[in-house]
Amino acid sequence: MRFRLFPVIVIVLGVTFLMANLGIVPMEELRHLFHTWWPLLLVASGSIMILRPAGHCHHQRCGLQEGTLPEEAPKT
């Protein structure tokens, strides 16, 4: 299973803003938190890019090499 950073960030932001809209967390605290910790998003995304295996290609999941088409399935 491959870790996907973008969906996790979207979910965390959605939950955070929902809590602000419901009054659980004051918006001013969210603003301060974001202004303080936004560089962590850059560090995390860069770290994931570095730790990803070299030559990572989405086509490898389905057994295809880049630039090739899958062979047709035999007709029965």
C-alpha atoms as a PDB file:
ATOM      1  CA  MET A   1       0.000   0.000   0.000  1.00  0.00           C
ATOM      2  CA  ARG A   2       1.331   3.392  -0.974  1.00  0.00           C
ATOM      3  CA  PHE A   3       1.003   6.350   1.365  1.00  0.00           C
ATOM      4  CA  ARG A   4      -0.800   9.262  -0.253  1.00  0.00           C
ATOM      5  CA  LEU A   5      -0.023  12.622   1.282  1.00  0.00           C
ATOM      6  CA  PHE A   6      -2.449  14.860  -0.603  1.00  0.00           C
ATOM      7  CA  PRO A   7      -5.683  13.092   0.482  1.00  0.00           C
ATOM      8  CA  VAL A   8      -4.518  13.089   4.107  1.00  0.00           C
ATOM      9  CA  ILE A   9      -3.800  16.837   3.957  1.00  0.00           C
ATOM     10  CA  VAL A  10      -7.233  17.515   2.440  1.00  0.00           C
ATOM     11  CA  ILE A  11      -8.976  15.446   5.134  1.00  0.00           C
ATOM     12  CA  VAL A  12      -7.067  17.139   7.965  1.00  0.00           C
ATOM     13  CA  LEU A  13      -7.811  20.599   6.567  1.00  0.00           C
ATOM     14  CA  GLY A  14     -11.485  19.712   6.117  1.00  0.00           C
ATOM     15  CA  VAL A  15     -11.849  18.453   9.676  1.00  0.00           C
ATOM     16  CA  THR A  16      -9.993  21.481  11.021  1.00  0.00           C
ATOM     17  CA  PHE A  17     -12.163  24.006   9.171  1.00  0.00           C
ATOM     18  CA  LEU A  18     -15.300  22.077  10.130  1.00  0.00           C
ATOM     19  CA  MET A  19     -14.305  22.347  13.788  1.00  0.00           C
ATOM     20  CA  ALA A  20     -13.756  26.086  13.302  1.00  0.00           C
ATOM     21  CA  ASN A  21     -17.205  26.488  11.694  1.00  0.00           C
ATOM     22  CA  LEU A  22     -18.817  24.592  14.575  1.00  0.00           C
ATOM     23  CA  GLY A  23     -17.073  26.799  17.120  1.00  0.00           C
ATOM     24  CA  ILE A  24     -14.996  23.979  18.619  1.00  0.00           C
ATOM     25  CA  VAL A  25     -11.741  25.728  17.686  1.00  0.00           C
ATOM     26  CA  PRO A  26     -11.585  29.534  17.311  1.00  0.00           C
ATOM     27  CA  MET A  27     -10.641  30.701  13.803  1.00  0.00           C
ATOM     28  CA  GLU A  28      -7.884  32.947  15.190  1.00  0.00           C
ATOM     29  CA  GLU A  29      -6.164  29.888  16.695  1.00  0.00           C
ATOM     30  CA  LEU A  30      -6.360  28.097  13.350  1.00  0.00           C
ATOM     31  CA  ARG A  31      -4.841  31.083  11.589  1.00  0.00           C
ATOM     32  CA  HIS A  32      -1.981  31.205  14.109  1.00  0.00           C
ATOM     33  CA  LEU A  33      -1.467  27.425  13.859  1.00  0.00           C
ATOM     34  CA  PHE A  34      -1.323  27.545  10.047  1.00  0.00           C
ATOM     35  CA  HIS A  35       1.081  30.503   9.978  1.00  0.00           C
ATOM     36  CA  THR A  36       3.371  28.688  12.412  1.00  0.00           C
ATOM     37  CA  TRP A  37       3.378  25.170  10.965  1.00  0.00           C
ATOM     38  CA  TRP A  38       2.833  25.536   7.165  1.00  0.00           C
ATOM     39  CA  PRO A  39       6.527  24.818   6.380  1.00  0.00           C
ATOM     40  CA  LEU A  40       5.989  21.339   7.840  1.00  0.00           C
ATOM     41  CA  LEU A  41       3.833  20.544   4.783  1.00  0.00           C
ATOM     42  CA  LEU A  42       6.780  21.352   2.516  1.00  0.00           C
ATOM     43  CA  VAL A  43       9.172  19.252   4.600  1.00  0.00           C
ATOM     44  CA  ALA A  44       6.771  16.291   4.650  1.00  0.00           C
ATOM     45  CA  SER A  45       6.082  16.373   0.914  1.00  0.00           C
ATOM     46  CA  GLY A  46       9.799  16.717   0.101  1.00  0.00           C
ATOM     47  CA  SER A  47      10.659  13.835   2.422  1.00  0.00           C
ATOM     48  CA  ILE A  48       8.092  11.602   0.770  1.00  0.00           C
ATOM     49  CA  MET A  49       9.485  12.492  -2.673  1.00  0.00           C
ATOM     50  CA  ILE A  50      13.021  11.609  -1.557  1.00  0.00           C
ATOM     51  CA  LEU A  51      12.004   8.345   0.102  1.00  0.00           C
ATOM     52  CA  ARG A  52       9.989   7.161  -2.892  1.00  0.00           C
ATOM     53  CA  PRO A  53      11.851   4.471  -4.872  1.00  0.00           C
ATOM     54  CA  ALA A  54      13.753   5.651  -7.959  1.00  0.00           C
ATOM     55  CA  GLY A  55      11.951   5.075 -11.234  1.00  0.00           C
ATOM     56  CA  HIS A  56       8.567   5.014  -9.536  1.00  0.00           C
ATOM     57  CA  CYS A  57       5.915   4.821 -12.212  1.00  0.00           C
ATOM     58  CA  HIS A  58       2.179   4.351 -11.876  1.00  0.00           C
ATOM     59  CA  HIS A  59       2.272   1.883 -14.774  1.00  0.00           C
ATOM     60  CA  GLN A  60       4.310  -0.590 -12.723  1.00  0.00           C
ATOM     61  CA  ARG A  61       1.255  -1.352 -10.610  1.00  0.00           C
ATOM     62  CA  CYS A  62      -0.520  -2.887 -13.567  1.00  0.00           C
ATOM     63  CA  GLY A  63       2.589  -4.518 -15.038  1.00  0.00           C
ATOM     64  CA  LEU A  64       3.036  -2.060 -17.892  1.00  0.00           C
ATOM     65  CA  GLN A  65       6.155  -0.255 -18.935  1.00  0.00           C
ATOM     66  CA  GLU A  66       5.862   3.399 -19.818  1.00  0.00           C
ATOM     67  CA  GLY A  67       5.000   3.941 -23.459  1.00  0.00           C
ATOM     68  CA  THR A  68       3.604   0.436 -24.071  1.00  0.00           C
ATOM     69  CA  LEU A  69       0.056  -0.718 -24.474  1.00  0.00           C
ATOM     70  CA  PRO A  70      -1.381  -3.787 -22.790  1.00  0.00           C
ATOM     71  CA  GLU A  71      -1.714  -6.883 -24.941  1.00  0.00           C
ATOM     72  CA  GLU A  72      -5.206  -7.794 -25.940  1.00  0.00           C
ATOM     73  CA  ALA A  73      -6.840 -10.548 -23.972  1.00  0.00           C
ATOM     74  CA  PRO A  74      -7.331 -13.751 -25.927  1.00  0.00           C
ATOM     75  CA  LYS A  75     -10.805 -14.105 -27.347  1.00  0.00           C
ATOM     76  CA  THR A  76     -12.727 -17.173 -26.294  1.00  0.00           C
END
